[in-house]
Every structure is written in C-alpha cells, then in structure tokens.
Amino acid sequence: MISLDITLKLSPAAISVQRKELADAEALYQTLINALQSPTPQLLELTCEKQTEKKVALMSDQISAVILSQKDGAANAGRVPGFAALGQGN
C-alpha cells in the first residue's frame, strides 16, 4: 500500500489516502503538485483505496506539503511517519 500524506496550513494533523499501485499513487501525487502550482485555488476531492468509504475534499491553496511513501506494515513499526524520523537518530 502506498500512502499520500497531505499536510494543511494551520493544521497539526495530516490527511492520508492510500493507493494500491505505485503508478496510481504517483499520478495522484502529480495531480496534487499541479494543483499547488496553479494560480487559482482548486477543490480537490480524494478517496482512499484502503478504506473505500473514506472521502475528503480540500482546497489546494491550503496544502503545505505532500509526502508519498510506501507503507509496509511491519517494516514501519515503531517509526514516526514523515520527515520527523530523521531527527530521532534511528
């Protein structure tokens, strides 16, 4: 499962959606990057392939970061998601 974690401005929590295939995750990542580069804010409606009932709508001008990462389950046990793990000496 590939996860896209989206951090919003003025919000401590990230929004996560998952994709089963790397190509689908990279396509969504590129869609988000294109929306960020657009001069006009866009409403983005996202769904999750892991939890099919999970839906979220957000405005592109509120996104501050997008992280694309592989979620292996046991391989990530005990690790902090995102880039914060770099400063923990793991």
PDB file of N, CA and C in Angstrom:
ATOM      1  N   MET A   1       0.855  -1.170   0.000  1.00  0.00           N
ATOM      2  CA  MET A   1       0.000   0.000   0.000  1.00  0.00           C
ATOM      3  C   MET A   1       0.900   1.232   0.000  1.00  0.00           C
ATOM      4  N   ILE A   2       0.574   2.185  -0.846  1.00  0.00           N
ATOM      5  CA  ILE A   2       1.321   3.439  -0.930  1.00  0.00           C
ATOM      6  C   ILE A   2       0.452   4.535  -0.319  1.00  0.00           C
ATOM      7  N   SER A   3       1.043   5.338   0.537  1.00  0.00           N
ATOM      8  CA  SER A   3       0.308   6.380   1.245  1.00  0.00           C
ATOM      9  C   SER A   3       0.724   7.762   0.759  1.00  0.00           C
ATOM     10  N   LEU A   4      -0.262   8.632   0.623  1.00  0.00           N
ATOM     11  CA  LEU A   4      -0.021  10.044   0.359  1.00  0.00           C
ATOM     12  C   LEU A   4      -0.508  10.801   1.578  1.00  0.00           C
ATOM     13  N   ASP A   5       0.417  11.455   2.264  1.00  0.00           N
ATOM     14  CA  ASP A   5       0.096  12.243   3.447  1.00  0.00           C
ATOM     15  C   ASP A   5       0.114  13.708   3.057  1.00  0.00           C
ATOM     16  N   ILE A   6      -0.989  14.391   3.321  1.00  0.00           N
ATOM     17  CA  ILE A   6      -1.156  15.787   2.927  1.00  0.00           C
ATOM     18  C   ILE A   6      -1.243  16.627   4.190  1.00  0.00           C
ATOM     19  N   THR A   7      -0.324  17.576   4.324  1.00  0.00           N
ATOM     20  CA  THR A   7      -0.317  18.483   5.461  1.00  0.00           C
ATOM     21  C   THR A   7      -0.979  19.785   5.035  1.00  0.00           C
ATOM     22  N   LEU A   8      -1.898  20.254   5.871  1.00  0.00           N
ATOM     23  CA  LEU A   8      -2.603  21.500   5.588  1.00  0.00           C
ATOM     24  C   LEU A   8      -2.035  22.637   6.427  1.00  0.00           C
ATOM     25  N   LYS A   9      -2.108  23.835   5.895  1.00  0.00           N
ATOM     26  CA  LYS A   9      -1.677  25.022   6.633  1.00  0.00           C
ATOM     27  C   LYS A   9      -2.517  25.151   7.899  1.00  0.00           C
ATOM     28  N   LEU A  10      -1.879  25.550   8.984  1.00  0.00           N
ATOM     29  CA  LEU A  10      -2.522  25.793  10.280  1.00  0.00           C
ATOM     30  C   LEU A  10      -3.220  24.565  10.853  1.00  0.00           C
ATOM     31  N   SER A  11      -2.786  23.354  10.450  1.00  0.00           N
ATOM     32  CA  SER A  11      -3.367  22.128  10.986  1.00  0.00           C
ATOM     33  C   SER A  11      -2.248  21.162  11.367  1.00  0.00           C
ATOM     34  N   PRO A  12      -2.244  20.675  12.600  1.00  0.00           N
ATOM     35  CA  PRO A  12      -1.173  19.766  13.022  1.00  0.00           C
ATOM     36  C   PRO A  12      -1.325  18.347  12.479  1.00  0.00           C
ATOM     37  N   ALA A  13      -2.510  17.967  12.069  1.00  0.00           N
ATOM     38  CA  ALA A  13      -2.760  16.604  11.597  1.00  0.00           C
ATOM     39  C   ALA A  13      -2.663  16.528  10.077  1.00  0.00           C
ATOM     40  N   ALA A  14      -2.131  15.405   9.600  1.00  0.00           N
ATOM     41  CA  ALA A  14      -2.045  15.176   8.160  1.00  0.00           C
ATOM     42  C   ALA A  14      -3.266  14.379   7.689  1.00  0.00           C
ATOM     43  N   ILE A  15      -3.628  14.575   6.449  1.00  0.00           N
ATOM     44  CA  ILE A  15      -4.679  13.797   5.803  1.00  0.00           C
ATOM     45  C   ILE A  15      -3.969  12.721   5.000  1.00  0.00           C
ATOM     46  N   SER A  16      -4.390  11.467   5.154  1.00  0.00           N
ATOM     47  CA  SER A  16      -3.750  10.367   4.439  1.00  0.00           C
ATOM     48  C   SER A  16      -4.760   9.632   3.573  1.00  0.00           C
ATOM     49  N   VAL A  17      -4.346   9.343   2.351  1.00  0.00           N
ATOM     50  CA  VAL A  17      -5.109   8.466   1.467  1.00  0.00           C
ATOM     51  C   VAL A  17      -4.131   7.437   0.911  1.00  0.00           C
ATOM     52  N   GLN A  18      -4.626   6.254   0.642  1.00  0.00           N
ATOM     53  CA  GLN A  18      -3.770   5.182   0.170  1.00  0.00           C
ATOM     54  C   GLN A  18      -4.150   4.759  -1.254  1.00  0.00           C
ATOM     55  N   ARG A  19      -3.135   4.258  -1.957  1.00  0.00           N
ATOM     56  CA  ARG A  19      -3.300   3.674  -3.276  1.00  0.00           C
ATOM     57  C   ARG A  19      -2.638   2.305  -3.270  1.00  0.00           C
ATOM     58  N   LYS A  20      -3.227   1.359  -3.990  1.00  0.00           N
ATOM     59  CA  LYS A  20      -2.687   0.005  -4.055  1.00  0.00           C
ATOM     60  C   LYS A  20      -1.480  -0.068  -4.981  1.00  0.00           C
ATOM     61  N   GLU A  21      -1.499   0.685  -6.051  1.00  0.00           N
ATOM     62  CA  GLU A  21      -0.439   0.632  -7.060  1.00  0.00           C
ATOM     63  C   GLU A  21       0.415   1.892  -7.024  1.00  0.00           C
ATOM     64  N   LEU A  22       1.715   1.732  -7.207  1.00  0.00           N
ATOM     65  CA  LEU A  22       2.632   2.862  -7.211  1.00  0.00           C
ATOM     66  C   LEU A  22       2.286   3.855  -8.317  1.00  0.00           C
ATOM     67  N   ALA A  23       1.923   3.372  -9.487  1.00  0.00           N
ATOM     68  CA  ALA A  23       1.583   4.260 -10.607  1.00  0.00           C
ATOM     69  C   ALA A  23       0.386   5.143 -10.264  1.00  0.00           C
ATOM     70  N   ASP A  24      -0.614   4.581  -9.589  1.00  0.00           N
ATOM     71  CA  ASP A  24      -1.784   5.365  -9.186  1.00  0.00           C
ATOM     72  C   ASP A  24      -1.410   6.408  -8.143  1.00  0.00           C
ATOM     73  N   ALA A  25      -0.541   6.040  -7.205  1.00  0.00           N
ATOM     74  CA  ALA A  25      -0.089   6.970  -6.168  1.00  0.00           C
ATOM     75  C   ALA A  25       0.711   8.108  -6.782  1.00  0.00           C
ATOM     76  N   GLU A  26       1.587   7.782  -7.728  1.00  0.00           N
ATOM     77  CA  GLU A  26       2.381   8.822  -8.378  1.00  0.00           C
ATOM     78  C   GLU A  26       1.508   9.741  -9.227  1.00  0.00           C
ATOM     79  N   ALA A  27       0.466   9.204  -9.844  1.00  0.00           N
ATOM     80  CA  ALA A  27      -0.457  10.032 -10.619  1.00  0.00           C
ATOM     81  C   ALA A  27      -1.198  11.010  -9.701  1.00  0.00           C
ATOM     82  N   LEU A  28      -1.654  10.524  -8.545  1.00  0.00           N
ATOM     83  CA  LEU A  28      -2.325  11.415  -7.593  1.00  0.00           C
ATOM     84  C   LEU A  28      -1.352  12.452  -7.047  1.00  0.00           C
ATOM     85  N   TYR A  29      -0.123  12.048  -6.759  1.00  0.00           N
ATOM     86  CA  TYR A  29       0.905  12.984  -6.302  1.00  0.00           C
ATOM     87  C   TYR A  29       1.097  14.099  -7.326  1.00  0.00           C
ATOM     88  N   GLN A  30       1.187  13.733  -8.591  1.00  0.00           N
ATOM     89  CA  GLN A  30       1.375  14.734  -9.649  1.00  0.00           C
ATOM     90  C   GLN A  30       0.158  15.647  -9.764  1.00  0.00           C
ATOM     91  N   THR A  31      -1.041  15.099  -9.591  1.00  0.00           N
ATOM     92  CA  THR A  31      -2.265  15.912  -9.602  1.00  0.00           C
ATOM     93  C   THR A  31      -2.222  16.949  -8.483  1.00  0.00           C
ATOM     94  N   LEU A  32      -1.779  16.519  -7.298  1.00  0.00           N
ATOM     95  CA  LEU A  32      -1.684  17.449  -6.166  1.00  0.00           C
ATOM     96  C   LEU A  32      -0.628  18.522  -6.419  1.00  0.00           C
ATOM     97  N   ILE A  33       0.509  18.137  -6.981  1.00  0.00           N
ATOM     98  CA  ILE A  33       1.562  19.108  -7.287  1.00  0.00           C
ATOM     99  C   ILE A  33       1.073  20.115  -8.325  1.00  0.00           C
ATOM    100  N   ASN A  34       0.382  19.634  -9.340  1.00  0.00           N
ATOM    101  CA  ASN A  34      -0.159  20.542 -10.367  1.00  0.00           C
ATOM    102  C   ASN A  34      -1.166  21.510  -9.766  1.00  0.00           C
ATOM    103  N   ALA A  35      -1.989  21.036  -8.840  1.00  0.00           N
ATOM    104  CA  ALA A  35      -2.961  21.912  -8.184  1.00  0.00           C
ATOM    105  C   ALA A  35      -2.257  22.966  -7.334  1.00  0.00           C
ATOM    106  N   LEU A  36      -1.145  22.579  -6.686  1.00  0.00           N
ATOM    107  CA  LEU A  36      -0.378  23.539  -5.888  1.00  0.00           C
ATOM    108  C   LEU A  36       0.249  24.620  -6.759  1.00  0.00           C
ATOM    109  N   GLN A  37       0.661  24.248  -7.953  1.00  0.00           N
ATOM    110  CA  GLN A  37       1.310  25.194  -8.857  1.00  0.00           C
ATOM    111  C   GLN A  37       0.312  26.092  -9.584  1.00  0.00           C
ATOM    112  N   SER A  38      -0.941  25.740  -9.550  1.00  0.00           N
ATOM    113  CA  SER A  38      -1.963  26.532 -10.225  1.00  0.00           C
ATOM    114  C   SER A  38      -2.174  27.860  -9.499  1.00  0.00           C
ATOM    115  N   PRO A  39      -2.311  28.956 -10.245  1.00  0.00           N
ATOM    116  CA  PRO A  39      -2.535  30.251  -9.594  1.00  0.00           C
ATOM    117  C   PRO A  39      -3.939  30.377  -8.980  1.00  0.00           C
ATOM    118  N   THR A  40      -4.846  29.525  -9.403  1.00  0.00           N
ATOM    119  CA  THR A  40      -6.218  29.557  -8.908  1.00  0.00           C
ATOM    120  C   THR A  40      -6.464  28.379  -7.966  1.00  0.00           C
ATOM    121  N   PRO A  41      -6.948  28.617  -6.753  1.00  0.00           N
ATOM    122  CA  PRO A  41      -7.252  27.507  -5.841  1.00  0.00           C
ATOM    123  C   PRO A  41      -8.279  26.561  -6.466  1.00  0.00           C
ATOM    124  N   GLN A  42      -8.084  25.274  -6.217  1.00  0.00           N
ATOM    125  CA  GLN A  42      -8.980  24.251  -6.749  1.00  0.00           C
ATOM    126  C   GLN A  42      -9.519  23.401  -5.613  1.00  0.00           C
ATOM    127  N   LEU A  43     -10.752  22.951  -5.765  1.00  0.00           N
ATOM    128  CA  LEU A  43     -11.319  21.994  -4.824  1.00  0.00           C
ATOM    129  C   LEU A  43     -10.873  20.608  -5.264  1.00  0.00           C
ATOM    130  N   LEU A  44     -10.219  19.893  -4.367  1.00  0.00           N
ATOM    131  CA  LEU A  44      -9.740  18.547  -4.656  1.00  0.00           C
ATOM    132  C   LEU A  44     -10.546  17.550  -3.835  1.00  0.00           C
ATOM    133  N   GLU A  45     -11.123  16.572  -4.500  1.00  0.00           N
ATOM    134  CA  GLU A  45     -11.883  15.524  -3.828  1.00  0.00           C
ATOM    135  C   GLU A  45     -11.088  14.233  -3.931  1.00  0.00           C
ATOM    136  N   LEU A  46     -10.722  13.667  -2.786  1.00  0.00           N
ATOM    137  CA  LEU A  46      -9.883  12.484  -2.749  1.00  0.00           C
ATOM    138  C   LEU A  46     -10.613  11.327  -2.084  1.00  0.00           C
ATOM    139  N   THR A  47     -10.326  10.131  -2.549  1.00  0.00           N
ATOM    140  CA  THR A  47     -10.845   8.915  -1.932  1.00  0.00           C
ATOM    141  C   THR A  47      -9.660   8.034  -1.560  1.00  0.00           C
ATOM    142  N   CYS A  48      -9.934   7.022  -0.773  1.00  0.00           N
ATOM    143  CA  CYS A  48      -8.894   6.119  -0.287  1.00  0.00           C
ATOM    144  C   CYS A  48      -9.201   4.703  -0.784  1.00  0.00           C
ATOM    145  N   GLU A  49      -8.189   4.021  -1.327  1.00  0.00           N
ATOM    146  CA  GLU A  49      -8.393   2.658  -1.804  1.00  0.00           C
ATOM    147  C   GLU A  49      -8.339   1.627  -0.675  1.00  0.00           C
ATOM    148  N   LYS A  50      -7.735   1.983   0.449  1.00  0.00           N
ATOM    149  CA  LYS A  50      -7.686   1.060   1.592  1.00  0.00           C
ATOM    150  C   LYS A  50      -9.008   1.088   2.346  1.00  0.00           C
ATOM    151  N   GLN A  51      -9.499   2.281   2.627  1.00  0.00           N
ATOM    152  CA  GLN A  51     -10.792   2.463   3.286  1.00  0.00           C
ATOM    153  C   GLN A  51     -11.708   3.132   2.268  1.00  0.00           C
ATOM    154  N   THR A  52     -12.452   2.335   1.527  1.00  0.00           N
ATOM    155  CA  THR A  52     -13.216   2.860   0.394  1.00  0.00           C
ATOM    156  C   THR A  52     -14.298   3.865   0.795  1.00  0.00           C
ATOM    157  N   GLU A  53     -14.731   3.839   2.045  1.00  0.00           N
ATOM    158  CA  GLU A  53     -15.740   4.805   2.494  1.00  0.00           C
ATOM    159  C   GLU A  53     -15.121   6.149   2.868  1.00  0.00           C
ATOM    160  N   LYS A  54     -13.805   6.220   2.920  1.00  0.00           N
ATOM    161  CA  LYS A  54     -13.096   7.443   3.310  1.00  0.00           C
ATOM    162  C   LYS A  54     -13.030   8.405   2.128  1.00  0.00           C
ATOM    163  N   LYS A  55     -13.547   9.619   2.337  1.00  0.00           N
ATOM    164  CA  LYS A  55     -13.521  10.668   1.319  1.00  0.00           C
ATOM    165  C   LYS A  55     -13.135  11.981   1.990  1.00  0.00           C
ATOM    166  N   VAL A  56     -12.442  12.832   1.246  1.00  0.00           N
ATOM    167  CA  VAL A  56     -12.068  14.134   1.772  1.00  0.00           C
ATOM    168  C   VAL A  56     -12.067  15.142   0.623  1.00  0.00           C
ATOM    169  N   ALA A  57     -12.489  16.344   0.916  1.00  0.00           N
ATOM    170  CA  ALA A  57     -12.426  17.453  -0.044  1.00  0.00           C
ATOM    171  C   ALA A  57     -11.631  18.566   0.619  1.00  0.00           C
ATOM    172  N   LEU A  58     -10.699  19.144  -0.136  1.00  0.00           N
ATOM    173  CA  LEU A  58      -9.880  20.224   0.409  1.00  0.00           C
ATOM    174  C   LEU A  58      -9.522  21.203  -0.694  1.00  0.00           C
ATOM    175  N   MET A  59      -9.181  22.403  -0.277  1.00  0.00           N
ATOM    176  CA  MET A  59      -8.780  23.434  -1.226  1.00  0.00           C
ATOM    177  C   MET A  59      -7.271  23.379  -1.424  1.00  0.00           C
ATOM    178  N   SER A  60      -6.848  23.452  -2.665  1.00  0.00           N
ATOM    179  CA  SER A  60      -5.425  23.309  -2.991  1.00  0.00           C
ATOM    180  C   SER A  60      -4.560  24.392  -2.356  1.00  0.00           C
ATOM    181  N   ASP A  61      -5.107  25.575  -2.140  1.00  0.00           N
ATOM    182  CA  ASP A  61      -4.296  26.647  -1.555  1.00  0.00           C
ATOM    183  C   ASP A  61      -4.059  26.464  -0.054  1.00  0.00           C
ATOM    184  N   GLN A  62      -4.652  25.432   0.546  1.00  0.00           N
ATOM    185  CA  GLN A  62      -4.447  25.144   1.962  1.00  0.00           C
ATOM    186  C   GLN A  62      -3.413  24.042   2.197  1.00  0.00           C
ATOM    187  N   ILE A  63      -2.898  23.443   1.130  1.00  0.00           N
ATOM    188  CA  ILE A  63      -1.905  22.375   1.243  1.00  0.00           C
ATOM    189  C   ILE A  63      -0.522  22.984   1.454  1.00  0.00           C
ATOM    190  N   SER A  64       0.196  22.471   2.450  1.00  0.00           N
ATOM    191  CA  SER A  64       1.559  22.951   2.674  1.00  0.00           C
ATOM    192  C   SER A  64       2.602  21.894   2.310  1.00  0.00           C
ATOM    193  N   ALA A  65       2.241  20.602   2.319  1.00  0.00           N
ATOM    194  CA  ALA A  65       3.194  19.547   1.961  1.00  0.00           C
ATOM    195  C   ALA A  65       2.446  18.294   1.527  1.00  0.00           C
ATOM    196  N   VAL A  66       3.097  17.528   0.641  1.00  0.00           N
ATOM    197  CA  VAL A  66       2.578  16.231   0.206  1.00  0.00           C
ATOM    198  C   VAL A  66       3.728  15.231   0.299  1.00  0.00           C
ATOM    199  N   ILE A  67       3.497  14.131   0.998  1.00  0.00           N
ATOM    200  CA  ILE A  67       4.515  13.100   1.156  1.00  0.00           C
ATOM    201  C   ILE A  67       3.991  11.802   0.560  1.00  0.00           C
ATOM    202  N   LEU A  68       4.771  11.204  -0.325  1.00  0.00           N
ATOM    203  CA  LEU A  68       4.456   9.917  -0.938  1.00  0.00           C
ATOM    204  C   LEU A  68       5.372   8.883  -0.303  1.00  0.00           C
ATOM    205  N   SER A  69       4.796   7.823   0.298  1.00  0.00           N
ATOM    206  CA  SER A  69       5.642   6.823   0.960  1.00  0.00           C
ATOM    207  C   SER A  69       5.006   5.442   0.892  1.00  0.00           C
ATOM    208  N   GLN A  70       5.871   4.442   0.948  1.00  0.00           N
ATOM    209  CA  GLN A  70       5.447   3.045   0.954  1.00  0.00           C
ATOM    210  C   GLN A  70       5.093   2.651   2.378  1.00  0.00           C
ATOM    211  N   LYS A  71       3.974   1.993   2.562  1.00  0.00           N
ATOM    212  CA  LYS A  71       3.570   1.511   3.882  1.00  0.00           C
ATOM    213  C   LYS A  71       3.651  -0.002   3.875  1.00  0.00           C
ATOM    214  N   ASP A  72       4.674  -0.541   4.570  1.00  0.00           N
ATOM    215  CA  ASP A  72       4.896  -1.982   4.568  1.00  0.00           C
ATOM    216  C   ASP A  72       4.335  -2.684   5.796  1.00  0.00           C
ATOM    217  N   GLY A  73       3.715  -1.981   6.697  1.00  0.00           N
ATOM    218  CA  GLY A  73       3.198  -2.596   7.907  1.00  0.00           C
ATOM    219  C   GLY A  73       4.301  -2.857   8.906  1.00  0.00           C
ATOM    220  N   ALA A  74       4.793  -4.084   8.972  1.00  0.00           N
ATOM    221  CA  ALA A  74       5.811  -4.471   9.956  1.00  0.00           C
ATOM    222  C   ALA A  74       7.126  -3.716   9.759  1.00  0.00           C
ATOM    223  N   ALA A  75       7.452  -3.372   8.522  1.00  0.00           N
ATOM    224  CA  ALA A  75       8.712  -2.670   8.250  1.00  0.00           C
ATOM    225  C   ALA A  75       8.723  -1.274   8.847  1.00  0.00           C
ATOM    226  N   ASN A  76       7.550  -0.675   9.033  1.00  0.00           N
ATOM    227  CA  ASN A  76       7.468   0.676   9.570  1.00  0.00           C
ATOM    228  C   ASN A  76       7.110   0.714  11.054  1.00  0.00           C
ATOM    229  N   ALA A  77       7.036  -0.441  11.697  1.00  0.00           N
ATOM    230  CA  ALA A  77       6.648  -0.485  13.108  1.00  0.00           C
ATOM    231  C   ALA A  77       7.633   0.317  13.947  1.00  0.00           C
ATOM    232  N   GLY A  78       7.109   1.160  14.817  1.00  0.00           N
ATOM    233  CA  GLY A  78       7.945   1.940  15.712  1.00  0.00           C
ATOM    234  C   GLY A  78       8.541   3.187  15.097  1.00  0.00           C
ATOM    235  N   ARG A  79       8.259   3.468  13.861  1.00  0.00           N
ATOM    236  CA  ARG A  79       8.801   4.657  13.201  1.00  0.00           C
ATOM    237  C   ARG A  79       7.760   5.769  13.177  1.00  0.00           C
ATOM    238  N   VAL A  80       8.219   6.980  13.283  1.00  0.00           N
ATOM    239  CA  VAL A  80       7.356   8.145  13.192  1.00  0.00           C
ATOM    240  C   VAL A  80       7.150   8.458  11.714  1.00  0.00           C
ATOM    241  N   PRO A  81       5.898   8.678  11.256  1.00  0.00           N
ATOM    242  CA  PRO A  81       5.683   8.981   9.850  1.00  0.00           C
ATOM    243  C   PRO A  81       6.249  10.342   9.474  1.00  0.00           C
ATOM    244  N   GLY A  82       6.577  10.491   8.221  1.00  0.00           N
ATOM    245  CA  GLY A  82       7.051  11.771   7.715  1.00  0.00           C
ATOM    246  C   GLY A  82       8.535  11.960   7.914  1.00  0.00           C
ATOM    247  N   PHE A  83       8.970  13.202   7.881  1.00  0.00           N
ATOM    248  CA  PHE A  83      10.378  13.524   7.948  1.00  0.00           C
ATOM    249  C   PHE A  83      10.863  13.717   9.386  1.00  0.00           C
ATOM    250  N   ALA A  84       9.978  13.715  10.350  1.00  0.00           N
ATOM    251  CA  ALA A  84      10.377  13.892  11.748  1.00  0.00           C
ATOM    252  C   ALA A  84      11.292  12.774  12.204  1.00  0.00           C
ATOM    253  N   ALA A  85      11.208  11.603  11.594  1.00  0.00           N
ATOM    254  CA  ALA A  85      12.040  10.471  11.993  1.00  0.00           C
ATOM    255  C   ALA A  85      13.513  10.720  11.736  1.00  0.00           C
ATOM    256  N   LEU A  86      13.860  11.640  10.849  1.00  0.00           N
ATOM    257  CA  LEU A  86      15.246  11.913  10.535  1.00  0.00           C
ATOM    258  C   LEU A  86      16.004  12.459  11.746  1.00  0.00           C
ATOM    259  N   GLY A  87      15.342  13.208  12.594  1.00  0.00           N
ATOM    260  CA  GLY A  87      15.991  13.820  13.737  1.00  0.00           C
ATOM    261  C   GLY A  87      16.026  12.965  14.984  1.00  0.00           C
ATOM    262  N   GLN A  88      15.530  11.731  14.910  1.00  0.00           N
ATOM    263  CA  GLN A  88      15.452  10.898  16.091  1.00  0.00           C
ATOM    264  C   GLN A  88      16.603   9.909  16.236  1.00  0.00           C
ATOM    265  N   GLY A  89      17.545   9.915  15.302  1.00  0.00           N
ATOM    266  CA  GLY A  89      18.701   9.031  15.417  1.00  0.00           C
ATOM    267  C   GLY A  89      18.395   7.584  15.162  1.00  0.00           C
ATOM    268  N   ASN A  90      17.359   7.271  14.391  1.00  0.00           N
ATOM    269  CA  ASN A  90      17.012   5.876  14.066  1.00  0.00           C
ATOM    270  C   ASN A  90      17.998   5.276  13.117  1.00  0.00           C
TER     271      ASN A  90
END
